[in-house]
Structures are given as structure tokens and as C-alpha cells.
Amino acid sequence: MIELKTPAEIERMHVAGRFVAEVLSEVGRLADVGVNLLDLEHHVRGMIERRGAESCYWDYAPSFGRGPFRNVICLSVNDAVLHGLPHDYTLRDGDVLKADLAVGIDGWVADSARTVVVGTAAEEDLRIIRATEEALEAAIEVARPGNRLGDISAAIFAVACDYGYPVNTEFGGHGIGRTMHEELHVSNKGRAGRGLKLRPGLTLALEPWFARTTDRIVFDPDGWTIRSADGSRTAHSEHTIAITENGPLVLTRRESENPVTRGDATGQLSTKDA
């Protein structure tokens, strides 16, 4: 069942969203050459504990995973794109790091992801990160009452096509609120004008992710980490949003983050200090 949230409930989700944004900003600040993924994991654990928040990942056991997830953040490097299991890996110059975080505060959840480049950024890496950021903003822009769920999917797919990136449809966005995954799958590919009519109170996690040269994925032996099947580099951007009478409200916007404009070629949001 799809649950429409009241303005008061959306504000409670916004509390969780602001914290998620704060943590991801901190991860972006700390991600540097020589930093171990496990150090980032433990730093985030400390932040969650001090805030009195609850990790949505700890003990998460969906059908596709191997046993319960025993970390609080997903960290995926280079060709890894989703559900990256933090492990003993030291970041290197030029690595592309995807950080994905979902937490609950007082019973309400927010979920967000960002991609950063560690050290020296290659233009082709900035380009694919920029594509996911633009796709996310395009999806947010059409998340308005009266539009359809397919409008969101079509907006993401249109940006991917503009950049020439293939799109995988196995994993995408989802409903969110009292739990991390609520009813509704939001595909990153779809047809405008199709699907559920969007209504005020609907809350969604939108998450375009692309691989440079393939739409196929493979799983690591850990049963969690998802990579591009051909080893090409990847990027992932995600925000939790609420659809309101006045349009979309982004609940996980980072303070230093400005909405990306279509055609913006700076790539500055993708660097470590963004």
C-alpha cells in the first residue's frame, strides 16, 4: 500500500534527510588518497551513534544479498556502483567513490547517495558523475502533482541518452518513509505519461546510476557489491524527495550542493570538496 505523508510527517523525514546530507558531506570531505574504506565506515558509525539515529543498512537482508548487511554505509569504488561492502581498501589517486546512506530518526527514514573523485579527476569520470547529477535534477523537476511516475523515469533516461550512457533497469529508485524501501519501484528508464499519477504526500528516493559502456551488472563474491559487467567506471546520485502542492521538496540536499543545470560543464559538484 502506498502511504501519502502529511506535511508534519514530511518534516520529520526532513530531519533525517538533513542528517544524511551532513554525513555524506563529511564523507566527501574525508575521502582522500590514503584513506581506508573501513575508516570511513567507522567514522559514519560514530556519527550515527552520537546523533541517536538508526542505520537502515545494519542487518538488512533482501533476497539478493548474502546474509545480513553488517555495515552502516555503502562504499563502492570505480566499477562498483551499488551496495558496496566497506572492506580493507585504501583509496588511490583518481578513484571514483560512491557513498550511499540511509538512516532513520524517530521512526522516519531518508536515503541519499553521492559520487566523488579522490585526488586527480579524469574528465571522463567527471562527465559520468555530471550525467547522474543532471538526471537526478531532471527527475526532481518533473516530480509534481498531476504528472506520472513514468515522467520521472523518462526524465532520467533522456539525460542518459543525451550523454550516450546505457541504462540498467534492475535497480532504481523506490518509495520511502517509515522504512527504507516502501511500495513503488522507480525505474531509471520509462515512458512519459505512463504509470501512477503523482500526488502530494508521496515520498520517493530517486537514484539514477550509470556505467560508462554497459547496462549489465555482476555481483562480487561478497554477495552485495554490484559492478559494471565490463569493468567500466560508474556513478550514482540519489536524493529523497517529497511531492508537495508547491512542487518537489528535496529532503537530503547538502548545504554546499547547488542544483545542477542541464549542460553545466564545470563538474565542480563532483570533486572531493563539493
Protein backbone atom coordinates (compact mmCIF):
# COMPACT_ATOMS: atom_id res chain seq x y z
CA MET A 1 0.00 0.00 0.00
CA ILE A 2 1.26 3.48 -0.88
CA GLU A 3 1.17 5.81 2.12
CA LEU A 4 0.85 9.52 1.50
CA LYS A 5 2.62 11.54 4.19
CA THR A 6 1.24 14.60 5.92
CA PRO A 7 3.26 17.85 5.94
CA ALA A 8 4.22 17.12 9.56
CA GLU A 9 5.46 13.64 8.63
CA ILE A 10 7.43 15.03 5.69
CA GLU A 11 9.11 17.47 8.05
CA ARG A 12 10.12 14.55 10.27
CA MET A 13 11.62 12.87 7.21
CA HIS A 14 13.39 16.16 6.50
CA VAL A 15 15.08 15.92 9.91
CA ALA A 16 16.53 12.55 8.88
CA GLY A 17 17.36 13.95 5.45
CA ARG A 18 19.38 16.83 6.84
CA PHE A 19 21.41 14.39 8.90
CA VAL A 20 22.02 12.11 5.91
CA ALA A 21 23.18 15.16 3.95
CA GLU A 22 25.53 16.13 6.78
CA VAL A 23 27.07 12.67 6.90
CA LEU A 24 27.58 12.46 3.13
CA SER A 25 29.21 15.91 3.17
CA GLU A 26 31.58 14.63 5.83
CA VAL A 27 32.38 11.50 3.83
CA GLY A 28 33.16 13.67 0.80
CA ARG A 29 35.45 15.82 2.92
CA LEU A 30 37.30 12.83 4.38
CA ALA A 31 37.62 10.76 1.19
CA ASP A 32 41.24 11.29 0.16
CA VAL A 33 44.26 9.43 -1.10
CA GLY A 34 45.45 7.03 1.61
CA VAL A 35 42.12 6.79 3.46
CA ASN A 36 40.82 3.27 4.10
CA LEU A 37 37.18 2.45 3.40
CA LEU A 38 36.88 0.85 6.84
CA ASP A 39 37.97 4.13 8.45
CA LEU A 40 35.11 5.89 6.63
CA GLU A 41 32.70 3.17 7.76
CA HIS A 42 33.69 3.55 11.42
CA HIS A 43 33.57 7.33 11.24
CA VAL A 44 30.00 7.17 9.94
CA ARG A 45 29.08 4.64 12.64
CA GLY A 46 30.23 7.17 15.23
CA MET A 47 28.20 9.97 13.68
CA ILE A 48 25.06 7.82 13.63
CA GLU A 49 25.55 6.72 17.23
CA ARG A 50 26.15 10.25 18.51
CA ARG A 51 23.01 11.51 16.74
CA GLY A 52 20.88 8.71 18.16
CA ALA A 53 19.92 7.69 14.63
CA GLU A 54 19.41 4.17 13.33
CA SER A 55 21.16 2.65 10.32
CA CYS A 56 18.78 1.22 7.73
CA TYR A 57 21.57 -0.99 6.39
CA TRP A 58 22.63 -2.85 9.52
CA ASP A 59 21.06 -6.33 9.40
CA TYR A 60 19.37 -5.52 6.07
CA ALA A 61 18.74 -8.88 4.37
CA PRO A 62 16.98 -8.61 0.98
CA SER A 63 16.62 -11.55 -1.39
CA PHE A 64 19.65 -10.54 -3.49
CA GLY A 65 22.17 -10.15 -0.64
CA ARG A 66 24.31 -12.78 1.04
CA GLY A 67 23.32 -12.75 4.69
CA PRO A 68 22.54 -9.60 6.67
CA PHE A 69 24.45 -6.43 5.77
CA ARG A 70 26.73 -5.57 8.69
CA ASN A 71 27.80 -2.05 7.79
CA VAL A 72 26.12 1.36 8.00
CA ILE A 73 27.15 2.85 4.64
CA CYS A 74 27.65 1.51 1.14
CA LEU A 75 31.03 2.46 -0.34
CA SER A 76 31.61 1.48 -3.98
CA VAL A 77 34.83 2.24 -5.87
CA ASN A 78 35.40 2.70 -9.62
CA ASP A 79 33.46 -0.03 -11.49
CA ALA A 80 31.48 -0.87 -8.33
CA VAL A 81 28.28 1.17 -8.24
CA LEU A 82 25.73 -0.13 -5.71
CA HIS A 83 25.71 -1.83 -2.30
CA GLY A 84 29.48 -1.70 -1.99
CA LEU A 85 30.56 -3.56 1.14
CA PRO A 86 33.16 -1.49 3.03
CA HIS A 87 36.37 -3.51 3.20
CA ASP A 88 40.12 -3.13 3.66
CA TYR A 89 40.85 -0.92 0.67
CA THR A 90 42.96 2.24 0.68
CA LEU A 91 41.75 4.97 -1.68
CA ARG A 92 44.09 5.89 -4.53
CA ASP A 93 44.54 8.98 -6.66
CA GLY A 94 41.77 9.13 -9.27
CA ASP A 95 39.43 6.64 -7.60
CA VAL A 96 35.71 7.26 -8.08
CA LEU A 97 33.89 6.69 -4.79
CA LYS A 98 30.13 6.23 -4.45
CA ALA A 99 28.76 6.71 -0.93
CA ASP A 100 25.16 5.66 -0.24
CA LEU A 101 23.49 6.16 3.16
CA ALA A 102 20.04 5.59 4.64
CA VAL A 103 19.18 6.29 8.29
CA GLY A 104 16.08 6.63 10.41
CA ILE A 105 15.45 9.21 13.12
CA ASP A 106 12.41 8.88 15.38
CA GLY A 107 10.82 6.39 13.01
CA TRP A 108 11.28 8.28 9.73
CA VAL A 109 13.85 7.50 7.05
CA ALA A 110 15.89 9.33 4.41
CA ASP A 111 18.23 7.91 1.77
CA SER A 112 20.83 9.63 -0.41
CA ALA A 113 23.97 8.94 -2.42
CA ARG A 114 26.76 10.95 -3.95
CA THR A 115 29.81 10.25 -6.11
CA VAL A 116 33.16 11.94 -5.53
CA VAL A 117 36.56 11.74 -7.17
CA VAL A 118 39.54 11.13 -4.91
CA GLY A 119 42.50 13.32 -5.79
CA THR A 120 43.03 13.93 -9.51
CA ALA A 121 39.80 13.82 -11.52
CA ALA A 122 39.73 12.48 -15.07
CA GLU A 123 37.34 14.31 -17.38
CA GLU A 124 35.54 11.10 -18.37
CA ASP A 125 34.83 10.42 -14.68
CA LEU A 126 33.54 13.95 -14.11
CA ARG A 127 31.35 13.51 -17.17
CA ILE A 128 29.53 10.40 -15.94
CA ILE A 129 29.11 11.88 -12.46
CA ARG A 130 27.70 15.03 -14.00
CA ALA A 131 25.27 12.89 -16.04
CA THR A 132 23.83 11.24 -12.92
CA GLU A 133 23.54 14.62 -11.18
CA GLU A 134 21.74 16.15 -14.16
CA ALA A 135 19.47 13.10 -14.45
CA LEU A 136 18.59 13.41 -10.77
CA GLU A 137 17.74 17.09 -11.08
CA ALA A 138 15.68 16.43 -14.22
CA ALA A 139 13.75 13.73 -12.35
CA ILE A 140 13.16 16.04 -9.38
CA GLU A 141 11.91 18.81 -11.66
CA VAL A 142 9.05 16.67 -13.03
CA ALA A 143 8.09 15.18 -9.64
CA ARG A 144 4.99 17.36 -9.38
CA PRO A 145 1.33 16.69 -8.62
CA GLY A 146 -0.55 15.60 -11.71
CA ASN A 147 2.47 14.19 -13.50
CA ARG A 148 3.08 10.45 -13.77
CA LEU A 149 5.70 8.13 -12.36
CA GLY A 150 6.80 7.45 -15.93
CA ASP A 151 7.66 11.13 -16.32
CA ILE A 152 10.36 10.71 -13.66
CA SER A 153 11.77 7.58 -15.32
CA ALA A 154 11.66 9.19 -18.76
CA ALA A 155 13.50 12.29 -17.49
CA ILE A 156 16.35 10.15 -16.16
CA PHE A 157 16.54 8.10 -19.33
CA ALA A 158 16.57 11.21 -21.54
CA VAL A 159 19.69 12.53 -19.81
CA ALA A 160 21.39 9.14 -20.09
CA CYS A 161 20.62 9.12 -23.81
CA ASP A 162 21.95 12.66 -24.23
CA TYR A 163 25.24 11.52 -22.73
CA GLY A 164 25.27 8.18 -24.54
CA TYR A 165 25.17 6.03 -21.41
CA PRO A 166 23.21 2.74 -21.32
CA VAL A 167 20.67 2.27 -18.52
CA ASN A 168 20.17 -0.76 -16.29
CA THR A 169 16.60 -1.31 -15.07
CA GLU A 170 17.20 -3.99 -12.42
CA PHE A 171 17.89 -1.47 -9.66
CA GLY A 172 16.43 2.02 -9.36
CA GLY A 173 14.56 4.33 -7.04
CA HIS A 174 11.83 3.41 -4.58
CA GLY A 175 9.21 4.58 -2.16
CA ILE A 176 10.48 5.59 1.26
CA GLY A 177 9.12 6.86 4.58
CA ARG A 178 8.71 4.72 7.67
CA THR A 179 11.10 2.19 6.14
CA MET A 180 13.91 2.41 3.60
CA HIS A 181 12.03 0.57 0.86
CA GLU A 182 8.31 1.17 0.53
CA GLU A 183 5.98 0.35 -2.34
CA LEU A 184 6.83 1.73 -5.79
CA HIS A 185 9.84 0.96 -7.91
CA VAL A 186 11.12 3.98 -9.81
CA SER A 187 12.90 2.71 -12.90
CA ASN A 188 15.66 4.76 -14.47
CA LYS A 189 14.03 4.13 -17.85
CA GLY A 190 10.39 4.69 -18.73
CA ARG A 191 7.75 6.39 -20.84
CA ALA A 192 6.37 9.82 -20.06
CA GLY A 193 2.67 9.98 -19.30
CA ARG A 194 2.54 6.40 -18.01
CA GLY A 195 2.20 4.95 -14.54
CA LEU A 196 0.91 6.18 -11.20
CA LYS A 197 -0.33 9.76 -11.01
CA LEU A 198 1.86 11.74 -8.61
CA ARG A 199 0.08 13.21 -5.59
CA PRO A 200 1.11 15.48 -2.70
CA GLY A 201 2.46 13.43 0.19
CA LEU A 202 4.22 10.86 -1.99
CA THR A 203 7.84 10.40 -0.87
CA LEU A 204 10.42 8.80 -3.12
CA ALA A 205 14.13 8.04 -3.28
CA LEU A 206 15.27 8.82 -6.83
CA GLU A 207 18.63 7.34 -7.80
CA PRO A 208 19.99 7.44 -11.33
CA TRP A 209 23.17 5.41 -11.74
CA PHE A 210 25.08 4.71 -14.92
CA ALA A 211 28.03 2.67 -16.12
CA ARG A 212 30.12 4.11 -18.91
CA THR A 213 29.76 1.37 -21.52
CA THR A 214 27.30 -1.31 -20.35
CA ASP A 215 23.86 -1.84 -18.84
CA ARG A 216 24.80 -5.24 -17.42
CA ILE A 217 25.92 -5.88 -13.86
CA VAL A 218 27.76 -8.56 -11.88
CA PHE A 219 27.95 -9.28 -8.16
CA ASP A 220 31.14 -9.63 -6.15
CA PRO A 221 31.73 -12.85 -4.18
CA ASP A 222 30.63 -10.92 -1.07
CA GLY A 223 27.09 -11.19 -2.46
CA TRP A 224 26.47 -7.45 -2.14
CA THR A 225 28.77 -5.27 -4.23
CA ILE A 226 27.37 -4.63 -7.71
CA ARG A 227 29.78 -3.76 -10.55
CA SER A 228 29.53 -2.96 -14.22
CA ALA A 229 29.85 -6.24 -16.12
CA ASP A 230 32.62 -4.92 -18.37
CA GLY A 231 34.65 -3.15 -15.67
CA SER A 232 33.81 0.35 -16.89
CA ARG A 233 33.57 3.11 -14.31
CA THR A 234 30.27 4.11 -12.78
CA ALA A 235 28.48 6.92 -10.93
CA HIS A 236 25.43 7.16 -8.66
CA SER A 237 23.42 10.12 -7.38
CA GLU A 238 20.37 9.93 -5.12
CA HIS A 239 18.01 12.17 -3.15
CA THR A 240 14.93 11.59 -1.05
CA ILE A 241 12.13 13.89 -2.18
CA ALA A 242 8.58 14.70 -1.18
CA ILE A 243 5.92 15.73 -3.67
CA THR A 244 4.03 18.72 -2.30
CA GLU A 245 1.30 21.07 -3.53
CA ASN A 246 4.09 23.56 -4.30
CA GLY A 247 6.25 21.08 -6.19
CA PRO A 248 9.12 18.77 -5.25
CA LEU A 249 10.90 19.19 -1.92
CA VAL A 250 14.40 17.67 -1.68
CA LEU A 251 14.83 16.31 1.84
CA THR A 252 18.51 15.34 1.54
CA ARG A 253 20.02 18.37 -0.20
CA ARG A 254 23.54 19.08 1.10
CA GLU A 255 24.23 22.66 2.21
CA SER A 256 27.13 23.06 -0.22
CA GLU A 257 25.21 21.50 -3.10
CA ASN A 258 23.55 23.58 -5.78
CA PRO A 259 21.12 22.02 -8.24
CA VAL A 260 22.90 21.06 -11.44
CA THR A 261 21.83 22.85 -14.60
CA ARG A 262 21.48 20.89 -17.82
CA GLY A 263 24.58 21.46 -19.93
CA ASP A 264 26.70 22.66 -16.99
CA ALA A 265 30.21 21.59 -17.94
CA THR A 266 32.05 22.61 -14.79
CA GLY A 267 31.88 19.29 -12.98
CA GLN A 268 32.70 21.10 -9.76
CA LEU A 269 29.95 19.37 -7.80
CA SER A 270 31.78 16.13 -8.47
CA THR A 271 35.07 16.98 -6.85
CA LYS A 272 36.01 15.95 -3.33
CA ASP A 273 35.37 19.38 -1.88
CA ALA A 274 31.88 19.77 -3.35
